[in-house]
Amino acid sequence: MEFVIPILLVIVVAIAVILIFRRKHNAIISDLDHQKLQIQHKPILEEMTKVKQLNMNGQTEEMFERWRASWNDVMDHDIPQVDTMLFDAEEYIDKLRYGKATQIEEQVKEILHTAEQKMNAILEELNNLIGSEEKNRIEMEQIQEQYRSARKTVLAHQYSFGEALPALERELESYQPEIQEYNELTATGNYMSAREVVMRLKEKSDQLFPKLHDIPTLLSEVSTKIPSTIHELRMGKNEMESQGYYLEHLSITTKLDGIEQELSQLKTSLSELSVGPAKQRMEEMKDELDSFYDLLEKEVTARSFVDQQHLAIAERLDVIKRQTLTAQEEASYVQQNYHLSDEQLAIPVKCMESLNSAESKLMLVQTRLGEEQSAYSSLEEELREIEQVVGQQDEIQSEFHNRLKNLRIDENSSRAKIVELKKKLHTIERSLHKANLPGIPEEIDVRFEEAEEHIFVVERSLSEVPLNMTAIDQHLKNAEVSVGEAQAKAQEMLENAMLVERIIQYGNRYRTTNTAVHVKLLEAEHAFRQKRYNKALEEAGIAVEQAEPGALKKIQKMMKEKQWDN
């Protein structure tokens, strides 16, 4: 038994390995047989039948014979050879000679791969040939229709093509030999060569036929429209110069001469059918001519502005200068009563300097205007710059004048605010004394002293000569803040003191029944008499909350709604 079991195991493993290898090779054989069937079923014959409908001459006949020979080689030699080799491989598998079977399988794969390449090459060439014949026929019909239409157009409108007519006729005549060549190649079955002729004709047509549309229009532009525009510009320029316009800086005449010289070159280009560059250059010419109109129109607009505004600008400049002198005098007078900084005093001086400079430029403009040797566009630009300077200085000196005028208003406003702050402080003090409190806390007294000190500083600043309104404004802001803080603190203290009194009144109902409440209320009363109103509020609040939770909020609500019943 010791030897039997291992032997049996070896036998079982060997059988398993044999079965695995057999299954593997059978699968390969089945796959190769399937590939063979796919090659056999490729529609070569059906496609070759379509070729027989074409002219079986020349290239077509040669290609057909080559395809048939290649197909016969596959079907009569390769496929039978594969069948034999697959049968041999199956026998080797049955005899467990798997190595030999593998060699045959590899050889079969190579034969099938080569056969499939041959079949695919035949199908591709077939499709190209059949497709070429159909494309040739469709495209050639379109080309011939375009050709006939072009011939009619040229014959019917010869005059509109001018000097380009001979070149167009030569181009159209060159179609006949190529059309004849195409017909001959098609008739002899040379469809691939005919395809090359069609492609040449299509490329030529794509370039030639659009020119038939462009050339008459471009010739009209070159011969009539652009020369007419040039003439109109020359007449307009001469007319404007006779009216006193200076236009030399535009160099219009020189540029127009150059365009006229180019027109003859463009005619030559069109006669040689060089349409693209000529068309682009004509568009550039028209843009240039339009720009000349814009330049002349700009001069007309500029003259209108100069004629209408130069005197008005001079008058406004004179007015602003007088106002600036007045502002200088006013500043000297105001300086006696109010402090003005060096920067403020320099404002009218700098304004006058800018205005004097603008006046010098204006005089130069008026001189050039009288000489009639300057472009109005240049004069307009300088006048607008002068106008801008005058406007800026007008704003600056007007703002300065208003600032001086407001100094007196600001002074009176400051004095009125001081009276108002003193009155507010006095009212607060009266409210504190009328409250019949045990006394005023030191903190409140300090707040009132600070507020009074700030008011004193403002009053002292208002008594100085000259008045420094900038400093007075700052002192006044400090005083307003200080009085406001004193008022807020005093109001808070009065409200707390009143609340303490109401809480103690409310808590008195619990004194006889709650000793702790009685003790806390005594502490609150003691703190109240010592002017410690915040401490009194804290102790009284604790007392009533011990006796009646929520009582403090209830009392505050009753006071807020003024429902307190003594």
Protein backbone atom coordinates (compact mmCIF):
# COMPACT_ATOMS: atom_id res chain seq x y z
CA MET A 1 0.00 0.00 0.00
CA GLU A 2 2.96 2.27 0.65
CA PHE A 3 3.80 2.25 -3.10
CA VAL A 4 0.31 1.99 -4.55
CA ILE A 5 -1.02 5.32 -3.27
CA PRO A 6 1.91 7.43 -4.62
CA ILE A 7 1.66 5.62 -7.96
CA LEU A 8 -2.06 6.30 -8.12
CA LEU A 9 -1.45 9.95 -7.29
CA VAL A 10 1.13 10.19 -10.07
CA ILE A 11 -1.27 8.59 -12.52
CA VAL A 12 -4.09 10.97 -11.53
CA VAL A 13 -1.83 14.02 -11.90
CA ALA A 14 -0.56 12.79 -15.27
CA ILE A 15 -4.09 12.27 -16.52
CA ALA A 16 -5.10 15.76 -15.31
CA VAL A 17 -2.11 17.33 -17.08
CA ILE A 18 -2.92 15.43 -20.28
CA LEU A 19 -6.54 16.59 -20.15
CA ILE A 20 -5.50 20.21 -19.52
CA PHE A 21 -3.06 20.24 -22.43
CA ARG A 22 -5.56 18.48 -24.70
CA ARG A 23 -8.28 21.02 -23.86
CA LYS A 24 -5.85 23.91 -24.44
CA HIS A 25 -4.73 22.65 -27.88
CA ASN A 26 -8.27 21.79 -28.93
CA ALA A 27 -9.29 25.37 -28.15
CA ILE A 28 -6.40 26.69 -30.25
CA ILE A 29 -7.32 24.37 -33.15
CA SER A 30 -10.97 25.53 -32.91
CA ASP A 31 -9.94 29.20 -32.94
CA LEU A 32 -7.64 28.72 -35.95
CA ASP A 33 -10.42 26.90 -37.81
CA HIS A 34 -12.75 29.82 -37.07
CA GLN A 35 -10.17 32.29 -38.44
CA LYS A 36 -9.88 30.19 -41.60
CA LEU A 37 -13.64 30.28 -42.10
CA GLN A 38 -13.70 34.06 -41.67
CA ILE A 39 -11.06 34.42 -44.40
CA GLN A 40 -12.99 32.11 -46.70
CA HIS A 41 -16.19 34.12 -46.21
CA LYS A 42 -14.72 37.56 -46.99
CA PRO A 43 -16.86 39.09 -49.83
CA ILE A 44 -14.08 39.15 -52.39
CA LEU A 45 -16.02 37.62 -55.22
CA GLU A 46 -19.04 39.90 -54.68
CA GLU A 47 -16.83 43.00 -54.79
CA MET A 48 -14.92 41.76 -57.84
CA THR A 49 -18.25 41.24 -59.58
CA LYS A 50 -18.91 44.99 -59.14
CA VAL A 51 -15.64 45.72 -60.92
CA LYS A 52 -16.84 43.81 -63.98
CA GLN A 53 -19.45 46.55 -64.44
CA LEU A 54 -16.60 48.99 -65.15
CA ASN A 55 -14.48 49.17 -68.26
CA MET A 56 -12.29 46.10 -68.00
CA ASN A 57 -9.30 47.64 -69.69
CA GLY A 58 -5.93 49.07 -68.74
CA GLN A 59 -5.38 49.53 -65.01
CA THR A 60 -8.73 47.98 -64.09
CA GLU A 61 -8.00 44.78 -66.00
CA GLU A 62 -4.49 44.51 -64.58
CA MET A 63 -5.71 45.06 -61.02
CA PHE A 64 -8.59 42.59 -61.51
CA GLU A 65 -6.24 39.85 -62.72
CA ARG A 66 -3.85 40.50 -59.85
CA TRP A 67 -6.69 40.33 -57.31
CA ARG A 68 -8.06 37.11 -58.80
CA ALA A 69 -4.62 35.51 -58.75
CA SER A 70 -4.09 36.50 -55.15
CA TRP A 71 -7.54 35.22 -54.16
CA ASN A 72 -7.01 31.95 -56.00
CA ASP A 73 -3.66 31.51 -54.29
CA VAL A 74 -5.32 31.86 -50.89
CA MET A 75 -8.31 29.68 -51.66
CA ASP A 76 -6.51 26.97 -53.70
CA HIS A 77 -3.24 26.77 -51.78
CA ASP A 78 -3.32 28.44 -48.37
CA ILE A 79 -6.71 27.22 -47.15
CA PRO A 80 -6.15 23.53 -48.19
CA GLN A 81 -2.70 23.66 -46.61
CA VAL A 82 -4.23 24.96 -43.38
CA ASP A 83 -6.84 22.16 -43.41
CA THR A 84 -4.10 19.54 -43.78
CA MET A 85 -1.93 21.07 -41.05
CA LEU A 86 -4.87 21.34 -38.61
CA PHE A 87 -5.68 17.66 -39.24
CA ASP A 88 -2.03 16.75 -38.54
CA ALA A 89 -2.10 18.84 -35.36
CA GLU A 90 -5.18 16.96 -34.13
CA GLU A 91 -3.40 13.62 -34.69
CA TYR A 92 -0.36 14.82 -32.72
CA ILE A 93 -2.66 15.91 -29.92
CA ASP A 94 -4.27 12.48 -29.84
CA LYS A 95 -0.76 10.94 -29.65
CA LEU A 96 0.10 13.38 -26.82
CA ARG A 97 2.85 14.98 -28.94
CA TYR A 98 1.97 18.46 -27.80
CA GLY A 99 5.30 20.04 -28.78
CA LYS A 100 4.86 19.01 -32.40
CA ALA A 101 1.24 20.25 -32.31
CA THR A 102 2.43 23.61 -31.04
CA GLN A 103 4.86 23.97 -33.95
CA ILE A 104 2.11 23.29 -36.47
CA GLU A 105 -0.25 25.73 -34.70
CA GLU A 106 2.32 28.52 -34.96
CA GLN A 107 2.86 27.80 -38.67
CA VAL A 108 -0.90 27.89 -39.27
CA LYS A 109 -1.21 31.24 -37.46
CA GLU A 110 1.44 32.73 -39.73
CA ILE A 111 -0.21 31.36 -42.91
CA LEU A 112 -3.63 32.69 -41.83
CA HIS A 113 -2.21 36.08 -40.93
CA THR A 114 -0.58 36.40 -44.37
CA ALA A 115 -3.76 35.24 -46.09
CA GLU A 116 -5.88 37.76 -44.19
CA GLN A 117 -3.49 40.55 -45.15
CA LYS A 118 -3.84 39.57 -48.82
CA MET A 119 -7.64 39.55 -48.58
CA ASN A 120 -7.76 42.90 -46.79
CA ALA A 121 -5.43 44.44 -49.39
CA ILE A 122 -7.72 43.22 -52.18
CA LEU A 123 -10.82 44.69 -50.44
CA GLU A 124 -9.11 48.03 -49.85
CA GLU A 125 -7.97 48.32 -53.47
CA LEU A 126 -11.43 47.28 -54.66
CA ASN A 127 -13.10 49.95 -52.53
CA ASN A 128 -10.62 52.56 -53.75
CA LEU A 129 -11.22 51.66 -57.38
CA ILE A 130 -15.02 51.60 -57.13
CA GLY A 131 -15.04 54.73 -54.96
CA SER A 132 -12.71 56.53 -57.37
CA GLU A 133 -15.00 55.79 -60.31
CA GLU A 134 -18.05 57.16 -58.47
CA LYS A 135 -16.23 60.22 -57.11
CA ASN A 136 -14.72 60.92 -60.51
CA ARG A 137 -18.12 60.83 -62.15
CA ILE A 138 -19.86 63.10 -59.59
CA GLU A 139 -17.03 65.64 -59.26
CA MET A 140 -16.39 65.74 -62.98
CA GLU A 141 -20.05 66.55 -63.64
CA GLN A 142 -19.78 69.47 -61.19
CA ILE A 143 -16.54 70.70 -62.76
CA GLN A 144 -17.96 70.55 -66.28
CA GLU A 145 -21.09 72.41 -65.19
CA GLN A 146 -18.95 75.13 -63.57
CA TYR A 147 -16.78 75.24 -66.69
CA ARG A 148 -19.78 75.71 -69.03
CA SER A 149 -21.19 78.43 -66.74
CA ALA A 150 -17.81 80.18 -66.67
CA ARG A 151 -17.55 80.11 -70.47
CA LYS A 152 -21.01 81.69 -70.79
CA THR A 153 -20.14 84.38 -68.23
CA VAL A 154 -16.91 85.32 -69.99
CA LEU A 155 -18.58 85.43 -73.42
CA ALA A 156 -21.56 87.46 -72.20
CA HIS A 157 -19.56 89.99 -70.15
CA GLN A 158 -16.23 90.31 -71.93
CA TYR A 159 -16.05 94.07 -71.38
CA SER A 160 -16.31 93.75 -67.61
CA PHE A 161 -13.19 91.56 -67.47
CA GLY A 162 -11.04 94.15 -69.27
CA GLU A 163 -7.38 93.27 -69.62
CA ALA A 164 -7.89 90.05 -67.61
CA LEU A 165 -9.95 88.54 -70.46
CA PRO A 166 -7.05 86.92 -72.41
CA ALA A 167 -5.67 85.23 -69.30
CA LEU A 168 -9.14 83.97 -68.35
CA GLU A 169 -9.71 82.53 -71.82
CA ARG A 170 -6.34 80.76 -71.70
CA GLU A 171 -7.23 79.25 -68.33
CA LEU A 172 -10.60 78.07 -69.59
CA GLU A 173 -9.06 76.65 -72.80
CA SER A 174 -6.65 74.61 -70.68
CA TYR A 175 -9.65 72.61 -69.38
CA GLN A 176 -10.32 70.87 -72.73
CA PRO A 177 -7.13 68.78 -72.94
CA GLU A 178 -7.55 67.62 -69.34
CA ILE A 179 -11.24 66.81 -69.80
CA GLN A 180 -10.33 64.81 -72.90
CA GLU A 181 -7.56 63.05 -70.98
CA TYR A 182 -10.05 62.15 -68.23
CA ASN A 183 -12.49 60.71 -70.76
CA GLU A 184 -9.79 58.62 -72.42
CA LEU A 185 -8.49 57.27 -69.11
CA THR A 186 -12.02 56.39 -68.00
CA ALA A 187 -12.81 54.72 -71.30
CA THR A 188 -9.69 52.57 -71.00
CA GLY A 189 -10.43 51.61 -67.40
CA ASN A 190 -7.60 53.70 -65.90
CA TYR A 191 -9.76 55.05 -63.07
CA MET A 192 -6.93 55.73 -60.64
CA SER A 193 -5.06 57.85 -63.19
CA ALA A 194 -8.34 59.56 -64.06
CA ARG A 195 -8.70 60.38 -60.35
CA GLU A 196 -5.47 62.35 -60.48
CA VAL A 197 -6.79 64.38 -63.44
CA VAL A 198 -10.03 65.14 -61.55
CA MET A 199 -8.06 66.33 -58.50
CA ARG A 200 -5.97 68.67 -60.69
CA LEU A 201 -9.09 70.10 -62.34
CA LYS A 202 -10.84 70.54 -58.98
CA GLU A 203 -7.87 72.44 -57.53
CA LYS A 204 -7.70 74.65 -60.63
CA SER A 205 -11.47 75.27 -60.49
CA ASP A 206 -11.40 76.21 -56.81
CA GLN A 207 -8.85 78.89 -57.67
CA LEU A 208 -10.23 80.10 -61.02
CA PHE A 209 -14.02 80.25 -60.74
CA PRO A 210 -14.18 82.62 -57.69
CA LYS A 211 -11.99 85.02 -59.69
CA LEU A 212 -14.76 85.31 -62.29
CA HIS A 213 -16.90 86.91 -59.59
CA ASP A 214 -14.17 89.09 -58.06
CA ILE A 215 -12.40 90.45 -61.14
CA PRO A 216 -15.23 92.67 -62.54
CA THR A 217 -15.81 94.21 -59.11
CA LEU A 218 -12.12 94.76 -58.49
CA LEU A 219 -11.59 96.27 -61.96
CA SER A 220 -14.47 98.65 -61.29
CA GLU A 221 -12.84 99.64 -57.99
CA VAL A 222 -9.43 100.17 -59.60
CA SER A 223 -10.68 101.95 -62.73
CA THR A 224 -13.60 104.01 -61.43
CA LYS A 225 -14.46 104.05 -57.74
CA ILE A 226 -11.04 104.56 -56.18
CA PRO A 227 -9.94 107.18 -58.78
CA SER A 228 -13.27 108.98 -58.19
CA THR A 229 -12.67 108.98 -54.44
CA ILE A 230 -9.12 110.30 -54.96
CA HIS A 231 -10.43 113.10 -57.17
CA GLU A 232 -13.07 113.98 -54.59
CA LEU A 233 -10.47 114.13 -51.83
CA ARG A 234 -8.21 116.37 -53.91
CA MET A 235 -11.08 118.75 -54.64
CA GLY A 236 -12.13 118.78 -50.99
CA LYS A 237 -8.59 119.46 -49.82
CA ASN A 238 -8.14 122.33 -52.30
CA GLU A 239 -11.47 123.83 -51.32
CA MET A 240 -10.59 123.70 -47.63
CA GLU A 241 -7.17 125.29 -48.24
CA SER A 242 -8.85 128.12 -50.13
CA GLN A 243 -10.97 128.70 -47.02
CA GLY A 244 -7.91 129.11 -44.80
CA TYR A 245 -7.35 125.55 -43.57
CA TYR A 246 -3.73 124.47 -43.05
CA LEU A 247 -3.44 120.86 -44.22
CA GLU A 248 0.25 120.39 -45.07
CA HIS A 249 0.82 118.29 -41.96
CA LEU A 250 -1.56 115.61 -43.31
CA SER A 251 0.54 114.98 -46.49
CA ILE A 252 -2.67 113.99 -48.28
CA THR A 253 -1.45 114.95 -51.78
CA THR A 254 1.71 112.84 -51.50
CA LYS A 255 -0.23 109.85 -50.21
CA LEU A 256 -2.87 110.15 -52.93
CA ASP A 257 -0.14 110.29 -55.59
CA GLY A 258 1.29 107.08 -54.22
CA ILE A 259 -2.10 105.35 -54.31
CA GLU A 260 -2.67 106.45 -57.92
CA GLN A 261 0.68 104.96 -58.92
CA GLU A 262 -0.26 101.68 -57.26
CA LEU A 263 -3.55 101.47 -59.17
CA SER A 264 -1.77 100.75 -62.47
CA GLN A 265 0.19 97.96 -60.75
CA LEU A 266 -3.05 96.51 -59.41
CA LYS A 267 -4.55 96.53 -62.93
CA THR A 268 -1.55 94.56 -64.15
CA SER A 269 -1.95 92.07 -61.28
CA LEU A 270 -5.62 91.59 -62.14
CA SER A 271 -4.82 91.09 -65.82
CA GLU A 272 -2.51 88.27 -64.68
CA LEU A 273 -5.31 86.87 -62.49
CA SER A 274 -3.38 87.62 -59.28
CA VAL A 275 -6.61 88.45 -57.45
CA GLY A 276 -5.84 87.68 -53.78
CA PRO A 277 -3.04 90.21 -53.14
CA ALA A 278 -4.78 92.86 -55.29
CA LYS A 279 -8.02 92.44 -53.38
CA GLN A 280 -6.27 92.79 -50.03
CA ARG A 281 -4.36 95.90 -51.13
CA MET A 282 -7.55 97.54 -52.44
CA GLU A 283 -9.22 97.04 -49.05
CA GLU A 284 -6.22 98.71 -47.43
CA MET A 285 -6.46 101.59 -49.94
CA LYS A 286 -10.14 102.15 -49.17
CA ASP A 287 -9.36 102.23 -45.45
CA GLU A 288 -6.63 104.81 -46.09
CA LEU A 289 -8.99 106.96 -48.18
CA ASP A 290 -11.65 106.75 -45.45
CA SER A 291 -9.04 107.89 -42.93
CA PHE A 292 -8.32 110.96 -45.11
CA TYR A 293 -12.01 111.89 -44.96
CA ASP A 294 -11.85 111.50 -41.17
CA LEU A 295 -8.79 113.75 -40.97
CA LEU A 296 -10.42 116.47 -43.08
CA GLU A 297 -13.62 116.22 -41.07
CA LYS A 298 -11.59 116.48 -37.89
CA GLU A 299 -10.09 119.77 -39.15
CA VAL A 300 -13.58 121.13 -39.90
CA THR A 301 -14.82 120.18 -36.44
CA ALA A 302 -11.68 121.63 -34.87
CA ARG A 303 -12.14 124.95 -36.70
CA SER A 304 -15.72 125.18 -35.47
CA PHE A 305 -14.56 124.67 -31.89
CA VAL A 306 -11.67 127.14 -32.20
CA ASP A 307 -13.81 129.84 -33.81
CA GLN A 308 -16.58 129.47 -31.23
CA GLN A 309 -14.56 128.91 -28.07
CA HIS A 310 -11.26 130.77 -28.14
CA LEU A 311 -12.84 134.11 -27.20
CA ALA A 312 -15.10 132.45 -24.61
CA ILE A 313 -12.09 130.75 -23.04
CA ALA A 314 -10.22 134.07 -22.96
CA GLU A 315 -13.17 135.77 -21.26
CA ARG A 316 -13.55 132.99 -18.70
CA LEU A 317 -9.80 133.10 -18.03
CA ASP A 318 -10.04 136.84 -17.35
CA VAL A 319 -12.98 136.32 -14.98
CA ILE A 320 -11.20 133.59 -13.02
CA LYS A 321 -8.09 135.73 -12.73
CA ARG A 322 -10.14 138.58 -11.22
CA GLN A 323 -11.83 136.17 -8.84
CA THR A 324 -8.43 134.80 -7.80
CA LEU A 325 -7.15 138.33 -7.08
CA THR A 326 -10.24 138.92 -4.97
CA ALA A 327 -9.57 135.67 -3.11
CA GLN A 328 -5.99 136.84 -2.38
CA GLU A 329 -7.27 140.13 -0.97
CA GLU A 330 -9.96 138.34 1.01
CA ALA A 331 -7.35 135.97 2.45
CA SER A 332 -5.26 138.95 3.68
CA TYR A 333 -8.33 140.42 5.38
CA VAL A 334 -9.52 137.13 6.89
CA GLN A 335 -6.01 136.41 8.19
CA GLN A 336 -6.43 139.25 10.69
CA ASN A 337 -9.21 137.36 12.50
CA TYR A 338 -8.61 133.72 11.61
CA HIS A 339 -5.51 131.57 11.47
CA LEU A 340 -4.66 130.38 7.93
CA SER A 341 -1.88 127.86 7.26
CA ASP A 342 0.92 128.58 4.80
CA GLU A 343 -0.57 125.92 2.51
CA GLN A 344 -3.96 127.68 2.53
CA LEU A 345 -2.39 131.11 1.88
CA ALA A 346 -0.46 129.63 -1.08
CA ILE A 347 -3.65 128.43 -2.85
CA PRO A 348 -4.58 131.73 -4.59
CA VAL A 349 -0.90 132.37 -5.42
CA LYS A 350 -0.54 129.00 -7.15
CA CYS A 351 -3.87 129.50 -8.91
CA MET A 352 -2.66 132.81 -10.31
CA GLU A 353 0.60 131.24 -11.52
CA SER A 354 -1.31 128.51 -13.40
CA LEU A 355 -3.70 131.07 -14.87
CA ASN A 356 -0.85 133.31 -16.04
CA SER A 357 0.80 130.32 -17.73
CA ALA A 358 -2.52 129.43 -19.41
CA GLU A 359 -2.91 133.03 -20.55
CA SER A 360 0.53 132.95 -22.20
CA LYS A 361 -0.40 129.77 -24.07
CA LEU A 362 -3.72 131.31 -25.12
CA MET A 363 -1.94 134.36 -26.56
CA LEU A 364 0.35 132.06 -28.55
CA VAL A 365 -2.68 130.17 -29.88
CA GLN A 366 -4.34 133.42 -30.95
CA THR A 367 -1.13 134.49 -32.71
CA ARG A 368 -0.93 131.19 -34.62
CA LEU A 369 -4.62 131.49 -35.45
CA GLY A 370 -3.98 134.86 -37.11
CA GLU A 371 -1.02 133.55 -39.10
CA GLU A 372 -3.11 130.68 -40.59
CA GLN A 373 -0.09 128.38 -40.60
CA SER A 374 -1.29 125.91 -38.00
CA ALA A 375 -3.69 123.00 -38.18
CA TYR A 376 -6.99 123.65 -36.44
CA SER A 377 -6.81 120.20 -34.85
CA SER A 378 -3.57 121.24 -33.14
CA LEU A 379 -5.08 124.56 -32.03
CA GLU A 380 -8.14 122.77 -30.72
CA GLU A 381 -6.00 120.39 -28.67
CA GLU A 382 -4.11 123.29 -27.08
CA LEU A 383 -7.32 125.24 -26.42
CA ARG A 384 -8.88 122.25 -24.70
CA GLU A 385 -5.80 121.91 -22.48
CA ILE A 386 -6.07 125.62 -21.58
CA GLU A 387 -9.81 125.18 -20.95
CA GLN A 388 -9.08 122.26 -18.63
CA VAL A 389 -6.50 124.29 -16.64
CA VAL A 390 -8.93 127.23 -16.31
CA GLY A 391 -11.70 124.90 -15.13
CA GLN A 392 -9.44 123.24 -12.55
CA GLN A 393 -8.26 126.58 -11.14
CA ASP A 394 -11.84 127.84 -11.07
CA GLU A 395 -12.81 124.88 -8.86
CA ILE A 396 -9.77 125.36 -6.60
CA GLN A 397 -10.26 129.10 -6.02
CA SER A 398 -14.04 128.70 -5.61
CA GLU A 399 -13.46 126.06 -2.96
CA PHE A 400 -10.95 128.35 -1.23
CA HIS A 401 -13.37 131.29 -1.35
CA ASN A 402 -16.12 129.17 0.20
CA ARG A 403 -13.73 127.98 2.89
CA LEU A 404 -12.96 131.58 3.86
CA LYS A 405 -16.64 132.49 3.85
CA ASN A 406 -17.46 129.51 6.07
CA LEU A 407 -14.90 130.48 8.74
CA ARG A 408 -17.31 133.05 10.24
CA ILE A 409 -20.17 130.59 9.98
CA ASP A 410 -18.07 127.91 11.69
CA GLU A 411 -17.16 130.34 14.46
CA ASN A 412 -20.78 131.24 15.17
CA SER A 413 -21.72 127.56 15.03
CA SER A 414 -18.98 126.71 17.55
CA ARG A 415 -20.13 129.45 19.95
CA ALA A 416 -23.73 128.22 19.67
CA LYS A 417 -22.65 124.63 20.39
CA ILE A 418 -20.75 125.74 23.51
CA VAL A 419 -23.87 127.47 24.83
CA GLU A 420 -25.83 124.28 24.08
CA LEU A 421 -23.27 122.06 25.86
CA LYS A 422 -23.20 124.29 28.93
CA LYS A 423 -26.99 124.26 29.04
CA LYS A 424 -27.03 120.46 28.74
CA LEU A 425 -24.50 120.13 31.57
CA HIS A 426 -26.52 122.49 33.77
CA THR A 427 -29.70 120.52 33.08
CA ILE A 428 -28.01 117.28 34.15
CA GLU A 429 -26.75 118.88 37.38
CA ARG A 430 -30.29 120.12 38.19
CA SER A 431 -31.65 116.60 37.59
CA LEU A 432 -29.14 115.19 40.06
CA HIS A 433 -30.01 117.75 42.77
CA LYS A 434 -33.79 117.29 42.27
CA ALA A 435 -33.44 113.54 42.76
CA ASN A 436 -32.97 114.06 46.58
CA LEU A 437 -30.17 111.52 46.68
CA PRO A 438 -27.83 111.15 49.64
CA GLY A 439 -25.04 112.53 47.43
CA ILE A 440 -23.24 112.39 44.10
CA PRO A 441 -20.55 109.70 43.60
CA GLU A 442 -17.00 110.93 43.04
CA GLU A 443 -16.91 109.30 39.61
CA ILE A 444 -19.81 111.47 38.42
CA ASP A 445 -18.16 114.59 39.85
CA VAL A 446 -14.96 113.75 37.95
CA ARG A 447 -16.96 113.34 34.72
CA PHE A 448 -18.56 116.76 35.20
CA GLU A 449 -15.22 118.40 35.96
CA GLU A 450 -13.71 116.91 32.76
CA ALA A 451 -16.66 118.16 30.71
CA GLU A 452 -16.37 121.65 32.20
CA GLU A 453 -12.63 121.66 31.49
CA HIS A 454 -13.21 120.78 27.80
CA ILE A 455 -15.82 123.54 27.52
CA PHE A 456 -13.35 125.99 29.06
CA VAL A 457 -10.69 125.00 26.50
CA VAL A 458 -13.12 125.71 23.64
CA GLU A 459 -14.11 129.09 25.12
CA ARG A 460 -10.46 130.03 25.56
CA SER A 461 -9.72 129.06 21.92
CA LEU A 462 -12.64 131.23 20.77
CA SER A 463 -11.15 134.22 22.59
CA GLU A 464 -7.81 134.02 20.79
CA VAL A 465 -6.91 136.30 17.88
CA PRO A 466 -6.58 135.14 15.17
CA LEU A 467 -8.92 132.17 15.63
CA ASN A 468 -7.60 128.75 14.75
CA MET A 469 -10.82 127.08 13.56
CA THR A 470 -9.12 123.73 12.98
CA ALA A 471 -8.04 123.56 16.63
CA ILE A 472 -11.43 124.90 17.79
CA ASP A 473 -13.25 122.14 15.85
CA GLN A 474 -11.11 119.47 17.50
CA HIS A 475 -11.58 120.97 21.02
CA LEU A 476 -15.33 121.18 20.38
CA LYS A 477 -15.50 117.50 19.38
CA ASN A 478 -13.68 116.57 22.61
CA ALA A 479 -16.13 118.68 24.63
CA GLU A 480 -19.16 117.07 22.95
CA VAL A 481 -17.82 113.58 23.72
CA SER A 482 -17.05 114.49 27.35
CA VAL A 483 -20.47 116.06 28.00
CA GLY A 484 -22.16 113.07 26.39
CA GLU A 485 -20.28 110.63 28.60
CA ALA A 486 -21.11 112.68 31.75
CA GLN A 487 -24.77 112.76 30.76
CA ALA A 488 -24.84 108.98 30.16
CA LYS A 489 -23.16 108.18 33.49
CA ALA A 490 -25.47 110.55 35.41
CA GLN A 491 -28.56 109.09 33.75
CA GLU A 492 -27.39 105.55 34.54
CA MET A 493 -26.81 106.52 38.20
CA LEU A 494 -30.29 108.11 38.53
CA GLU A 495 -31.98 105.07 37.00
CA ASN A 496 -30.07 102.71 39.32
CA ALA A 497 -30.90 104.83 42.40
CA MET A 498 -34.60 104.89 41.46
CA LEU A 499 -34.56 101.13 40.88
CA VAL A 500 -32.96 100.55 44.31
CA GLU A 501 -35.73 102.55 46.00
CA ARG A 502 -38.43 100.57 44.18
CA ILE A 503 -36.79 97.22 45.02
CA ILE A 504 -36.50 98.13 48.70
CA GLN A 505 -40.17 99.21 48.71
CA TYR A 506 -41.14 95.92 47.07
CA GLY A 507 -38.96 93.89 49.48
CA ASN A 508 -40.36 95.53 52.62
CA ARG A 509 -43.30 93.08 52.46
CA TYR A 510 -40.91 90.23 53.23
CA ARG A 511 -38.93 91.87 56.12
CA THR A 512 -41.11 90.55 58.93
CA THR A 513 -41.25 87.00 57.60
CA ASN A 514 -37.74 86.55 56.11
CA THR A 515 -34.75 87.51 58.26
CA ALA A 516 -32.24 87.01 55.40
CA VAL A 517 -34.18 89.42 53.18
CA HIS A 518 -34.31 91.95 56.02
CA VAL A 519 -30.53 91.73 56.49
CA LYS A 520 -29.82 92.17 52.77
CA LEU A 521 -32.16 95.14 52.51
CA LEU A 522 -30.38 96.74 55.51
CA GLU A 523 -27.06 96.31 53.65
CA ALA A 524 -28.60 97.85 50.53
CA GLU A 525 -29.92 100.84 52.51
CA HIS A 526 -26.51 101.31 54.10
CA ALA A 527 -24.76 101.27 50.68
CA PHE A 528 -27.40 103.70 49.33
CA ARG A 529 -26.70 106.21 52.10
CA GLN A 530 -22.97 105.93 51.32
CA LYS A 531 -23.66 106.91 47.63
CA ARG A 532 -22.71 103.40 46.49
CA TYR A 533 -25.76 102.99 44.28
CA ASN A 534 -24.43 100.09 42.21
CA LYS A 535 -23.63 98.12 45.36
CA ALA A 536 -27.06 98.98 46.78
CA LEU A 537 -28.72 97.71 43.60
CA GLU A 538 -26.80 94.44 43.80
CA GLU A 539 -27.73 93.79 47.47
CA ALA A 540 -31.40 94.79 47.04
CA GLY A 541 -31.70 92.60 43.92
CA ILE A 542 -30.29 89.57 45.77
CA ALA A 543 -32.74 90.16 48.65
CA VAL A 544 -35.95 90.17 46.55
CA GLU A 545 -34.76 87.28 44.36
CA GLN A 546 -34.24 85.18 47.53
CA ALA A 547 -37.78 85.89 48.64
CA GLU A 548 -39.41 85.81 45.20
CA PRO A 549 -37.48 84.48 42.19
CA GLY A 550 -38.07 86.65 39.13
CA ALA A 551 -39.09 89.64 41.24
CA LEU A 552 -36.24 91.84 39.91
CA LYS A 553 -37.37 91.49 36.29
CA LYS A 554 -40.97 92.07 37.39
CA ILE A 555 -40.03 95.35 39.10
CA GLN A 556 -37.95 96.50 36.10
CA LYS A 557 -40.86 95.75 33.74
CA MET A 558 -43.32 97.67 35.96
CA MET A 559 -40.99 100.69 36.00
CA LYS A 560 -40.50 100.53 32.25
CA GLU A 561 -44.28 100.44 31.68
CA LYS A 562 -44.79 103.14 34.38
CA GLN A 563 -47.22 100.88 36.28
CA TRP A 564 -45.54 101.31 39.65
CA ASP A 565 -48.04 101.82 42.47
CA ASN A 566 -46.53 103.38 45.57
